[in-house]
Amino acid sequence: QVQLVESGGGLVQPGGSLRLSCGVSGRISSISLMAWYRQTPGTQREWVASIAPSGTTNYVDSVMGRFSISRDNTKNTVYLEMSSLKPEDTASYYCKAVMLGGRSSWGQGTQVTVSS
C-alpha cells in the first residue's frame, strides 16, 4: 500500500496558475502509474493526467497544453502544474497511484477554485 497526500489547491483568478503536489509514501517500488483526477459535486471523477514509470505522460484533451504532470523521485512527489486556468477547471483534485498488482490508492483531495 501507499499513502498519498495532496496539497497546493486554492483560489485563483481565471488565467492564473497553480501547482499541485502529491506526496507519496509506503511501497513506492510497487507503483506502476501515477495520475491526477478531478471531481465536481454530482459528477463522476474525471481522469486529468497520468505519468508512467518511463516518464510517458498523457492528458485529457481539455487540459492539453495547459497542464503538465511531472514527478521528482528524490522527493517522492508528483506534481500537476496548471496554467491558463479556467472556471471549468474548478474541482477537487485527487492523486491516484496504480500498483503493479492492479490495486489503486487515492489521496484525500485538494480543492481548486478558479473565479474572479
Protein backbone atom coordinates (compact mmCIF):
# COMPACT_ATOMS: atom_id res chain seq x y z
CA GLN A 1 0.00 0.00 0.00
CA VAL A 2 0.98 3.61 -0.49
CA GLN A 3 -0.20 6.79 1.17
CA LEU A 4 -0.85 9.91 -0.86
CA VAL A 5 -1.20 13.47 0.40
CA GLU A 6 -2.21 16.28 -1.97
CA SER A 7 -1.52 19.95 -1.41
CA GLY A 8 -1.35 23.20 -3.33
CA GLY A 9 -5.00 23.86 -4.06
CA GLY A 10 -6.64 27.23 -3.57
CA LEU A 11 -8.46 30.13 -5.14
CA VAL A 12 -7.04 31.57 -8.35
CA GLN A 13 -8.31 34.01 -10.94
CA PRO A 14 -9.06 32.89 -14.50
CA GLY A 15 -5.84 32.78 -16.49
CA GLY A 16 -3.79 32.12 -13.38
CA SER A 17 -1.60 29.21 -12.37
CA LEU A 18 -1.30 26.70 -9.57
CA ARG A 19 0.96 23.79 -8.79
CA LEU A 20 -0.50 20.78 -7.04
CA SER A 21 1.74 18.34 -5.19
CA CYS A 22 1.16 14.72 -4.25
CA GLY A 23 3.49 13.32 -1.60
CA VAL A 24 3.92 9.56 -1.82
CA SER A 25 4.98 7.19 0.96
CA GLY A 26 4.87 3.46 1.53
CA ARG A 27 5.59 0.77 -1.08
CA ILE A 28 6.72 3.19 -3.76
CA SER A 29 8.55 0.50 -5.71
CA SER A 30 5.20 -1.22 -6.36
CA ILE A 31 3.70 1.76 -8.18
CA SER A 32 3.12 1.30 -11.92
CA LEU A 33 1.39 4.59 -12.72
CA MET A 34 0.61 7.91 -11.08
CA ALA A 35 -2.34 10.02 -12.10
CA TRP A 36 -4.39 13.10 -11.28
CA TYR A 37 -8.18 13.10 -11.35
CA ARG A 38 -10.74 15.78 -10.59
CA GLN A 39 -14.33 15.82 -9.47
CA THR A 40 -17.12 18.35 -9.08
CA PRO A 41 -20.20 17.76 -6.92
CA GLY A 42 -22.70 15.41 -8.53
CA THR A 43 -20.33 14.21 -11.25
CA GLN A 44 -18.04 11.23 -11.72
CA ARG A 45 -14.36 11.58 -11.05
CA GLU A 46 -12.58 12.55 -14.27
CA TRP A 47 -9.09 11.47 -15.27
CA VAL A 48 -6.89 14.51 -15.97
CA ALA A 49 -3.31 13.31 -16.49
CA SER A 50 -1.02 10.38 -15.85
CA ILE A 51 2.67 9.61 -15.83
CA ALA A 52 4.22 6.19 -16.31
CA PRO A 53 7.47 4.97 -14.74
CA SER A 54 9.08 5.55 -18.15
CA GLY A 55 8.10 9.21 -17.91
CA THR A 56 5.45 8.96 -20.61
CA THR A 57 2.64 11.42 -19.92
CA ASN A 58 -0.94 11.59 -21.10
CA TYR A 59 -3.63 14.24 -20.71
CA VAL A 60 -7.32 14.66 -21.21
CA ASP A 61 -7.97 16.87 -24.22
CA SER A 62 -9.46 19.70 -22.16
CA VAL A 63 -6.17 20.36 -20.34
CA MET A 64 -3.71 19.58 -23.14
CA GLY A 65 -1.17 22.38 -23.44
CA ARG A 66 -2.23 23.96 -20.14
CA PHE A 67 -1.42 21.29 -17.54
CA SER A 68 1.78 19.38 -17.01
CA ILE A 69 2.32 16.30 -14.85
CA SER A 70 5.77 15.51 -13.56
CA ARG A 71 7.49 13.67 -10.74
CA ASP A 72 10.53 14.15 -8.55
CA ASN A 73 11.74 10.73 -7.45
CA THR A 74 14.17 12.25 -4.96
CA LYS A 75 11.24 13.84 -3.13
CA ASN A 76 8.70 11.05 -3.79
CA THR A 77 6.37 13.70 -5.14
CA VAL A 78 4.19 14.01 -8.22
CA TYR A 79 3.19 17.46 -9.44
CA LEU A 80 0.45 18.90 -11.58
CA GLU A 81 1.38 22.29 -12.98
CA MET A 82 -1.76 24.10 -14.09
CA SER A 83 -1.73 27.29 -16.14
CA SER A 84 -4.25 29.35 -18.10
CA LEU A 85 -6.82 28.15 -15.62
CA LYS A 86 -10.50 28.41 -16.50
CA PRO A 87 -13.59 28.45 -14.28
CA GLU A 88 -14.43 24.97 -15.61
CA ASP A 89 -11.20 23.69 -14.04
CA THR A 90 -12.78 24.26 -10.63
CA ALA A 91 -12.91 20.90 -8.87
CA SER A 92 -11.45 18.76 -6.14
CA TYR A 93 -8.24 17.27 -7.47
CA TYR A 94 -7.14 13.79 -6.43
CA CYS A 95 -3.88 11.93 -6.78
CA LYS A 96 -4.00 8.22 -7.62
CA ALA A 97 -1.36 5.52 -7.51
CA VAL A 98 -1.91 2.34 -9.51
CA MET A 99 0.01 -0.59 -8.11
CA LEU A 100 1.67 -3.38 -10.07
CA GLY A 101 -0.98 -5.83 -8.88
CA GLY A 102 -3.79 -3.59 -10.14
CA ARG A 103 -4.91 -2.08 -6.86
CA SER A 104 -5.16 1.67 -6.50
CA SER A 105 -4.65 4.18 -3.73
CA TRP A 106 -6.16 7.66 -3.56
CA GLY A 107 -5.30 10.81 -1.71
CA GLN A 108 -7.82 12.91 0.18
CA GLY A 109 -8.05 15.59 -2.49
CA THR A 110 -7.32 19.30 -2.71
CA GLN A 111 -9.78 21.96 -3.83
CA VAL A 112 -9.06 24.21 -6.78
CA THR A 113 -11.38 27.14 -7.37
CA VAL A 114 -10.99 29.35 -10.44
CA SER A 115 -13.02 32.51 -10.03
CA SER A 116 -12.71 36.25 -10.30
